[in-house]
Amino acid sequence: MSKLEEVEYMKSIGLESIIGKTHFCHTPVFGLTCGQCNPCKDALNEGMQYRVSTFGRILGFFRKYLYYYPYRIVGRCIRAVLQNKR
């Protein structure tokens, strides 16, 4: 049973209010889904875009590319410099 089939089944038995209360994001941003972690990407790819908030996607993008990404670049530069000195 796919995730979309599970959602349809839950709606058919009257549990649609519970669907919005479930939490699957690994790195939520201010309590919203980030849109960048694997569970969020799975939800986006499987046709469940309504489960990933737009605001959370925007904040997750900025957190990933403005916070984590620069540190990766600096780390790579430091590693390259240290490896060249050997």
PDB file of N, CA and C in Angstrom:
ATOM      1  N   MET A   1       0.851  -1.178   0.000  1.00  0.00           N
ATOM      2  CA  MET A   1       0.000   0.000   0.000  1.00  0.00           C
ATOM      3  C   MET A   1       0.899   1.244   0.000  1.00  0.00           C
ATOM      4  N   SER A   2       0.687   2.120  -0.967  1.00  0.00           N
ATOM      5  CA  SER A   2       1.495   3.330  -1.059  1.00  0.00           C
ATOM      6  C   SER A   2       0.991   4.368  -0.051  1.00  0.00           C
ATOM      7  N   LYS A   3       1.753   5.428   0.105  1.00  0.00           N
ATOM      8  CA  LYS A   3       1.357   6.478   1.041  1.00  0.00           C
ATOM      9  C   LYS A   3       0.068   7.155   0.603  1.00  0.00           C
ATOM     10  N   LEU A   4      -0.084   7.350  -0.711  1.00  0.00           N
ATOM     11  CA  LEU A   4      -1.317   7.970  -1.197  1.00  0.00           C
ATOM     12  C   LEU A   4      -2.520   7.073  -0.932  1.00  0.00           C
ATOM     13  N   GLU A   5      -2.342   5.763  -1.092  1.00  0.00           N
ATOM     14  CA  GLU A   5      -3.433   4.823  -0.793  1.00  0.00           C
ATOM     15  C   GLU A   5      -3.767   4.834   0.694  1.00  0.00           C
ATOM     16  N   GLU A   6      -2.753   4.965   1.542  1.00  0.00           N
ATOM     17  CA  GLU A   6      -2.996   5.050   2.979  1.00  0.00           C
ATOM     18  C   GLU A   6      -3.804   6.296   3.327  1.00  0.00           C
ATOM     19  N   VAL A   7      -3.458   7.425   2.703  1.00  0.00           N
ATOM     20  CA  VAL A   7      -4.192   8.669   2.950  1.00  0.00           C
ATOM     21  C   VAL A   7      -5.637   8.531   2.501  1.00  0.00           C
ATOM     22  N   GLU A   8      -5.859   7.955   1.324  1.00  0.00           N
ATOM     23  CA  GLU A   8      -7.226   7.758   0.839  1.00  0.00           C
ATOM     24  C   GLU A   8      -8.017   6.837   1.769  1.00  0.00           C
ATOM     25  N   TYR A   9      -7.368   5.802   2.272  1.00  0.00           N
ATOM     26  CA  TYR A   9      -8.025   4.879   3.197  1.00  0.00           C
ATOM     27  C   TYR A   9      -8.392   5.596   4.490  1.00  0.00           C
ATOM     28  N   MET A  10      -7.474   6.408   5.012  1.00  0.00           N
ATOM     29  CA  MET A  10      -7.768   7.149   6.251  1.00  0.00           C
ATOM     30  C   MET A  10      -8.915   8.117   6.040  1.00  0.00           C
ATOM     31  N   LYS A  11      -8.977   8.745   4.867  1.00  0.00           N
ATOM     32  CA  LYS A  11     -10.089   9.650   4.574  1.00  0.00           C
ATOM     33  C   LYS A  11     -11.401   8.885   4.474  1.00  0.00           C
ATOM     34  N   SER A  12     -11.349   7.682   3.911  1.00  0.00           N
ATOM     35  CA  SER A  12     -12.576   6.900   3.737  1.00  0.00           C
ATOM     36  C   SER A  12     -13.161   6.423   5.067  1.00  0.00           C
ATOM     37  N   ILE A  13     -12.309   6.226   6.075  1.00  0.00           N
ATOM     38  CA  ILE A  13     -12.841   5.789   7.376  1.00  0.00           C
ATOM     39  C   ILE A  13     -13.018   6.949   8.348  1.00  0.00           C
ATOM     40  N   GLY A  14     -12.840   8.197   7.846  1.00  0.00           N
ATOM     41  CA  GLY A  14     -13.145   9.377   8.647  1.00  0.00           C
ATOM     42  C   GLY A  14     -12.016   9.855   9.549  1.00  0.00           C
ATOM     43  N   LEU A  15     -10.790   9.579   9.205  1.00  0.00           N
ATOM     44  CA  LEU A  15      -9.656   9.998  10.036  1.00  0.00           C
ATOM     45  C   LEU A  15      -8.832  11.107   9.385  1.00  0.00           C
ATOM     46  N   GLU A  16      -9.477  11.943   8.557  1.00  0.00           N
ATOM     47  CA  GLU A  16      -8.708  12.976   7.871  1.00  0.00           C
ATOM     48  C   GLU A  16      -8.143  14.027   8.810  1.00  0.00           C
ATOM     49  N   SER A  17      -8.758  14.224   9.980  1.00  0.00           N
ATOM     50  CA  SER A  17      -8.223  15.219  10.919  1.00  0.00           C
ATOM     51  C   SER A  17      -6.881  14.766  11.496  1.00  0.00           C
ATOM     52  N   ILE A  18      -6.642  13.469  11.555  1.00  0.00           N
ATOM     53  CA  ILE A  18      -5.393  12.949  12.109  1.00  0.00           C
ATOM     54  C   ILE A  18      -4.240  13.115  11.122  1.00  0.00           C
ATOM     55  N   ILE A  19      -4.529  13.102   9.836  1.00  0.00           N
ATOM     56  CA  ILE A  19      -3.486  13.190   8.818  1.00  0.00           C
ATOM     57  C   ILE A  19      -2.659  14.456   8.993  1.00  0.00           C
ATOM     58  N   GLY A  20      -3.309  15.576   9.259  1.00  0.00           N
ATOM     59  CA  GLY A  20      -2.600  16.837   9.420  1.00  0.00           C
ATOM     60  C   GLY A  20      -1.806  16.938  10.702  1.00  0.00           C
ATOM     61  N   LYS A  21      -2.072  16.076  11.654  1.00  0.00           N
ATOM     62  CA  LYS A  21      -1.385  16.127  12.945  1.00  0.00           C
ATOM     63  C   LYS A  21      -0.176  15.207  13.021  1.00  0.00           C
ATOM     64  N   THR A  22       0.019  14.379  12.003  1.00  0.00           N
ATOM     65  CA  THR A  22       1.169  13.477  12.030  1.00  0.00           C
ATOM     66  C   THR A  22       2.431  14.239  11.671  1.00  0.00           C
ATOM     67  N   HIS A  23       3.561  13.758  12.185  1.00  0.00           N
ATOM     68  CA  HIS A  23       4.830  14.449  12.022  1.00  0.00           C
ATOM     69  C   HIS A  23       5.844  13.483  11.429  1.00  0.00           C
ATOM     70  N   PHE A  24       6.533  13.890  10.383  1.00  0.00           N
ATOM     71  CA  PHE A  24       7.481  12.994   9.724  1.00  0.00           C
ATOM     72  C   PHE A  24       8.819  13.644   9.438  1.00  0.00           C
ATOM     73  N   CYS A  25       8.942  14.944   9.578  1.00  0.00           N
ATOM     74  CA  CYS A  25      10.157  15.673   9.220  1.00  0.00           C
ATOM     75  C   CYS A  25      11.267  15.398  10.229  1.00  0.00           C
ATOM     76  N   HIS A  26      12.482  15.161   9.728  1.00  0.00           N
ATOM     77  CA  HIS A  26      13.627  14.913  10.604  1.00  0.00           C
ATOM     78  C   HIS A  26      14.238  16.199  11.144  1.00  0.00           C
ATOM     79  N   THR A  27      14.129  17.303  10.396  1.00  0.00           N
ATOM     80  CA  THR A  27      14.729  18.572  10.824  1.00  0.00           C
ATOM     81  C   THR A  27      13.721  19.708  10.668  1.00  0.00           C
ATOM     82  N   PRO A  28      12.683  19.733  11.509  1.00  0.00           N
ATOM     83  CA  PRO A  28      11.672  20.782  11.368  1.00  0.00           C
ATOM     84  C   PRO A  28      12.248  22.177  11.644  1.00  0.00           C
ATOM     85  N   VAL A  29      11.659  23.178  10.979  1.00  0.00           N
ATOM     86  CA  VAL A  29      12.062  24.570  11.137  1.00  0.00           C
ATOM     87  C   VAL A  29      10.903  25.304  11.785  1.00  0.00           C
ATOM     88  N   PHE A  30      11.090  25.747  13.017  1.00  0.00           N
ATOM     89  CA  PHE A  30      10.033  26.414  13.784  1.00  0.00           C
ATOM     90  C   PHE A  30       8.758  25.575  13.826  1.00  0.00           C
ATOM     91  N   GLY A  31       8.911  24.274  13.939  1.00  0.00           N
ATOM     92  CA  GLY A  31       7.765  23.369  14.014  1.00  0.00           C
ATOM     93  C   GLY A  31       7.127  23.043  12.673  1.00  0.00           C
ATOM     94  N   LEU A  32       7.712  23.514  11.583  1.00  0.00           N
ATOM     95  CA  LEU A  32       7.185  23.251  10.242  1.00  0.00           C
ATOM     96  C   LEU A  32       8.124  22.299   9.517  1.00  0.00           C
ATOM     97  N   THR A  33       7.582  21.577   8.567  1.00  0.00           N
ATOM     98  CA  THR A  33       8.409  20.667   7.770  1.00  0.00           C
ATOM     99  C   THR A  33       9.428  21.465   6.964  1.00  0.00           C
ATOM    100  N   CYS A  34      10.627  20.891   6.806  1.00  0.00           N
ATOM    101  CA  CYS A  34      11.726  21.637   6.175  1.00  0.00           C
ATOM    102  C   CYS A  34      11.742  21.537   4.659  1.00  0.00           C
ATOM    103  N   GLY A  35      11.272  20.423   4.111  1.00  0.00           N
ATOM    104  CA  GLY A  35      11.310  20.242   2.664  1.00  0.00           C
ATOM    105  C   GLY A  35      12.665  19.810   2.138  1.00  0.00           C
ATOM    106  N   GLN A  36      13.661  19.639   2.996  1.00  0.00           N
ATOM    107  CA  GLN A  36      15.009  19.291   2.570  1.00  0.00           C
ATOM    108  C   GLN A  36      15.447  17.901   3.021  1.00  0.00           C
ATOM    109  N   CYS A  37      14.897  17.385   4.116  1.00  0.00           N
ATOM    110  CA  CYS A  37      15.318  16.068   4.612  1.00  0.00           C
ATOM    111  C   CYS A  37      14.676  14.960   3.763  1.00  0.00           C
ATOM    112  N   ASN A  38      15.148  13.743   3.920  1.00  0.00           N
ATOM    113  CA  ASN A  38      14.661  12.640   3.082  1.00  0.00           C
ATOM    114  C   ASN A  38      13.162  12.378   3.221  1.00  0.00           C
ATOM    115  N   PRO A  39      12.575  12.356   4.433  1.00  0.00           N
ATOM    116  CA  PRO A  39      11.120  12.153   4.506  1.00  0.00           C
ATOM    117  C   PRO A  39      10.327  13.252   3.794  1.00  0.00           C
ATOM    118  N   CYS A  40      10.796  14.488   3.893  1.00  0.00           N
ATOM    119  CA  CYS A  40      10.107  15.577   3.189  1.00  0.00           C
ATOM    120  C   CYS A  40      10.241  15.416   1.676  1.00  0.00           C
ATOM    121  N   LYS A  41      11.437  15.048   1.217  1.00  0.00           N
ATOM    122  CA  LYS A  41      11.632  14.835  -0.220  1.00  0.00           C
ATOM    123  C   LYS A  41      10.775  13.680  -0.717  1.00  0.00           C
ATOM    124  N   ASP A  42      10.645  12.626   0.100  1.00  0.00           N
ATOM    125  CA  ASP A  42       9.775  11.511  -0.279  1.00  0.00           C
ATOM    126  C   ASP A  42       8.333  11.966  -0.418  1.00  0.00           C
ATOM    127  N   ALA A  43       7.869  12.779   0.524  1.00  0.00           N
ATOM    128  CA  ALA A  43       6.497  13.287   0.466  1.00  0.00           C
ATOM    129  C   ALA A  43       6.297  14.135  -0.784  1.00  0.00           C
ATOM    130  N   LEU A  44       7.269  14.954  -1.115  1.00  0.00           N
ATOM    131  CA  LEU A  44       7.165  15.787  -2.315  1.00  0.00           C
ATOM    132  C   LEU A  44       7.161  14.946  -3.585  1.00  0.00           C
ATOM    133  N   ASN A  45       7.991  13.911  -3.621  1.00  0.00           N
ATOM    134  CA  ASN A  45       8.095  13.069  -4.814  1.00  0.00           C
ATOM    135  C   ASN A  45       6.911  12.126  -4.986  1.00  0.00           C
ATOM    136  N   GLU A  46       6.219  11.802  -3.906  1.00  0.00           N
ATOM    137  CA  GLU A  46       5.115  10.854  -3.976  1.00  0.00           C
ATOM    138  C   GLU A  46       3.762  11.521  -4.126  1.00  0.00           C
ATOM    139  N   GLY A  47       3.759  12.815  -4.444  1.00  0.00           N
ATOM    140  CA  GLY A  47       2.498  13.493  -4.697  1.00  0.00           C
ATOM    141  C   GLY A  47       1.785  13.980  -3.461  1.00  0.00           C
ATOM    142  N   MET A  48       2.507  14.140  -2.370  1.00  0.00           N
ATOM    143  CA  MET A  48       1.893  14.607  -1.127  1.00  0.00           C
ATOM    144  C   MET A  48       2.463  15.975  -0.756  1.00  0.00           C
ATOM    145  N   GLN A  49       2.506  16.892  -1.718  1.00  0.00           N
ATOM    146  CA  GLN A  49       3.083  18.214  -1.509  1.00  0.00           C
ATOM    147  C   GLN A  49       2.371  18.999  -0.419  1.00  0.00           C
ATOM    148  N   TYR A  50       1.095  18.731  -0.216  1.00  0.00           N
ATOM    149  CA  TYR A  50       0.335  19.460   0.792  1.00  0.00           C
ATOM    150  C   TYR A  50       0.840  19.176   2.205  1.00  0.00           C
ATOM    151  N   ARG A  51       1.596  18.093   2.385  1.00  0.00           N
ATOM    152  CA  ARG A  51       2.129  17.751   3.710  1.00  0.00           C
ATOM    153  C   ARG A  51       3.369  18.567   4.064  1.00  0.00           C
ATOM    154  N   VAL A  52       4.012  19.182   3.057  1.00  0.00           N
ATOM    155  CA  VAL A  52       5.231  19.953   3.295  1.00  0.00           C
ATOM    156  C   VAL A  52       4.889  21.427   3.135  1.00  0.00           C
ATOM    157  N   SER A  53       5.074  22.201   4.207  1.00  0.00           N
ATOM    158  CA  SER A  53       4.688  23.608   4.175  1.00  0.00           C
ATOM    159  C   SER A  53       5.621  24.421   3.288  1.00  0.00           C
ATOM    160  N   THR A  54       5.072  25.394   2.607  1.00  0.00           N
ATOM    161  CA  THR A  54       5.858  26.257   1.730  1.00  0.00           C
ATOM    162  C   THR A  54       6.830  27.094   2.553  1.00  0.00           C
ATOM    163  N   PHE A  55       6.360  27.643   3.661  1.00  0.00           N
ATOM    164  CA  PHE A  55       7.216  28.456   4.522  1.00  0.00           C
ATOM    165  C   PHE A  55       8.375  27.618   5.061  1.00  0.00           C
ATOM    166  N   GLY A  56       8.084  26.392   5.466  1.00  0.00           N
ATOM    167  CA  GLY A  56       9.132  25.504   5.953  1.00  0.00           C
ATOM    168  C   GLY A  56      10.128  25.156   4.871  1.00  0.00           C
ATOM    169  N   ARG A  57       9.646  24.966   3.629  1.00  0.00           N
ATOM    170  CA  ARG A  57      10.549  24.686   2.504  1.00  0.00           C
ATOM    171  C   ARG A  57      11.498  25.846   2.261  1.00  0.00           C
ATOM    172  N   ILE A  58      10.970  27.071   2.327  1.00  0.00           N
ATOM    173  CA  ILE A  58      11.803  28.257   2.113  1.00  0.00           C
ATOM    174  C   ILE A  58      12.842  28.369   3.222  1.00  0.00           C
ATOM    175  N   LEU A  59      12.408  28.225   4.485  1.00  0.00           N
ATOM    176  CA  LEU A  59      13.349  28.310   5.600  1.00  0.00           C
ATOM    177  C   LEU A  59      14.373  27.177   5.556  1.00  0.00           C
ATOM    178  N   GLY A  60      13.931  25.982   5.192  1.00  0.00           N
ATOM    179  CA  GLY A  60      14.845  24.849   5.083  1.00  0.00           C
ATOM    180  C   GLY A  60      15.889  25.072   4.009  1.00  0.00           C
ATOM    181  N   PHE A  61      15.478  25.670   2.895  1.00  0.00           N
ATOM    182  CA  PHE A  61      16.421  25.987   1.818  1.00  0.00           C
ATOM    183  C   PHE A  61      17.480  26.957   2.304  1.00  0.00           C
ATOM    184  N   PHE A  62      17.043  28.042   2.968  1.00  0.00           N
ATOM    185  CA  PHE A  62      18.004  29.024   3.454  1.00  0.00           C
ATOM    186  C   PHE A  62      18.913  28.445   4.523  1.00  0.00           C
ATOM    187  N   ARG A  63      18.359  27.603   5.389  1.00  0.00           N
ATOM    188  CA  ARG A  63      19.185  26.994   6.427  1.00  0.00           C
ATOM    189  C   ARG A  63      20.244  26.095   5.799  1.00  0.00           C
ATOM    190  N   LYS A  64      19.857  25.354   4.772  1.00  0.00           N
ATOM    191  CA  LYS A  64      20.791  24.429   4.142  1.00  0.00           C
ATOM    192  C   LYS A  64      21.892  25.164   3.390  1.00  0.00           C
ATOM    193  N   TYR A  65      21.513  26.134   2.579  1.00  0.00           N
ATOM    194  CA  TYR A  65      22.484  26.766   1.698  1.00  0.00           C
ATOM    195  C   TYR A  65      23.177  27.990   2.294  1.00  0.00           C
ATOM    196  N   LEU A  66      22.627  28.589   3.320  1.00  0.00           N
ATOM    197  CA  LEU A  66      23.286  29.743   3.921  1.00  0.00           C
ATOM    198  C   LEU A  66      23.946  29.418   5.252  1.00  0.00           C
ATOM    199  N   TYR A  67      23.573  28.307   5.861  1.00  0.00           N
ATOM    200  CA  TYR A  67      24.155  27.957   7.144  1.00  0.00           C
ATOM    201  C   TYR A  67      25.107  26.772   7.016  1.00  0.00           C
ATOM    202  N   TYR A  68      24.598  25.648   6.521  1.00  0.00           N
ATOM    203  CA  TYR A  68      25.425  24.443   6.451  1.00  0.00           C
ATOM    204  C   TYR A  68      26.416  24.467   5.290  1.00  0.00           C
ATOM    205  N   TYR A  69      26.005  24.935   4.140  1.00  0.00           N
ATOM    206  CA  TYR A  69      26.837  24.882   2.940  1.00  0.00           C
ATOM    207  C   TYR A  69      28.147  25.660   3.081  1.00  0.00           C
ATOM    208  N   PRO A  70      28.137  26.916   3.608  1.00  0.00           N
ATOM    209  CA  PRO A  70      29.413  27.628   3.760  1.00  0.00           C
ATOM    210  C   PRO A  70      30.412  26.889   4.650  1.00  0.00           C
ATOM    211  N   TYR A  71      29.918  26.206   5.683  1.00  0.00           N
ATOM    212  CA  TYR A  71      30.827  25.451   6.546  1.00  0.00           C
ATOM    213  C   TYR A  71      31.457  24.280   5.801  1.00  0.00           C
ATOM    214  N   ARG A  72      30.723  23.676   4.907  1.00  0.00           N
ATOM    215  CA  ARG A  72      31.290  22.593   4.099  1.00  0.00           C
ATOM    216  C   ARG A  72      32.407  23.118   3.210  1.00  0.00           C
ATOM    217  N   ILE A  73      32.200  24.276   2.613  1.00  0.00           N
ATOM    218  CA  ILE A  73      33.212  24.863   1.739  1.00  0.00           C
ATOM    219  C   ILE A  73      34.470  25.183   2.537  1.00  0.00           C
ATOM    220  N   VAL A  74      34.306  25.788   3.695  1.00  0.00           N
ATOM    221  CA  VAL A  74      35.457  26.123   4.542  1.00  0.00           C
ATOM    222  C   VAL A  74      36.171  24.848   4.957  1.00  0.00           C
ATOM    223  N   GLY A  75      35.405  23.819   5.331  1.00  0.00           N
ATOM    224  CA  GLY A  75      36.007  22.547   5.725  1.00  0.00           C
ATOM    225  C   GLY A  75      36.802  21.923   4.591  1.00  0.00           C
ATOM    226  N   ARG A  76      36.287  21.982   3.393  1.00  0.00           N
ATOM    227  CA  ARG A  76      37.005  21.437   2.234  1.00  0.00           C
ATOM    228  C   ARG A  76      38.290  22.211   1.964  1.00  0.00           C
ATOM    229  N   CYS A  77      38.229  23.528   2.096  1.00  0.00           N
ATOM    230  CA  CYS A  77      39.421  24.354   1.874  1.00  0.00           C
ATOM    231  C   CYS A  77      40.491  24.035   2.907  1.00  0.00           C
ATOM    232  N   ILE A  78      40.086  23.896   4.156  1.00  0.00           N
ATOM    233  CA  ILE A  78      41.044  23.575   5.219  1.00  0.00           C
ATOM    234  C   ILE A  78      41.664  22.205   4.970  1.00  0.00           C
ATOM    235  N   ARG A  79      40.837  21.223   4.598  1.00  0.00           N
ATOM    236  CA  ARG A  79      41.358  19.889   4.303  1.00  0.00           C
ATOM    237  C   ARG A  79      42.347  19.917   3.140  1.00  0.00           C
ATOM    238  N   ALA A  80      42.025  20.678   2.096  1.00  0.00           N
ATOM    239  CA  ALA A  80      42.906  20.757   0.934  1.00  0.00           C
ATOM    240  C   ALA A  80      44.247  21.392   1.312  1.00  0.00           C
ATOM    241  N   VAL A  81      44.210  22.434   2.132  1.00  0.00           N
ATOM    242  CA  VAL A  81      45.439  23.095   2.558  1.00  0.00           C
ATOM    243  C   VAL A  81      46.266  22.142   3.403  1.00  0.00           C
ATOM    244  N   LEU A  82      45.626  21.433   4.319  1.00  0.00           N
ATOM    245  CA  LEU A  82      46.349  20.505   5.190  1.00  0.00           C
ATOM    246  C   LEU A  82      46.937  19.341   4.396  1.00  0.00           C
ATOM    247  N   GLN A  83      46.224  18.863   3.399  1.00  0.00           N
ATOM    248  CA  GLN A  83      46.724  17.747   2.592  1.00  0.00           C
ATOM    249  C   GLN A  83      47.885  18.169   1.709  1.00  0.00           C
ATOM    250  N   ASN A  84      47.883  19.410   1.253  1.00  0.00           N
ATOM    251  CA  ASN A  84      48.973  19.915   0.410  1.00  0.00           C
ATOM    252  C   ASN A  84      50.259  20.127   1.195  1.00  0.00           C
ATOM    253  N   LYS A  85      50.146  20.360   2.498  1.00  0.00           N
ATOM    254  CA  LYS A  85      51.328  20.589   3.331  1.00  0.00           C
ATOM    255  C   LYS A  85      52.058  19.300   3.637  1.00  0.00           C
ATOM    256  N   ARG A  86      51.409  18.171   3.465  1.00  0.00           N
ATOM    257  CA  ARG A  86      52.027  16.883   3.818  1.00  0.00           C
ATOM    258  C   ARG A  86      53.013  16.436   2.797  1.00  0.00           C
TER     259      ARG A  86
END
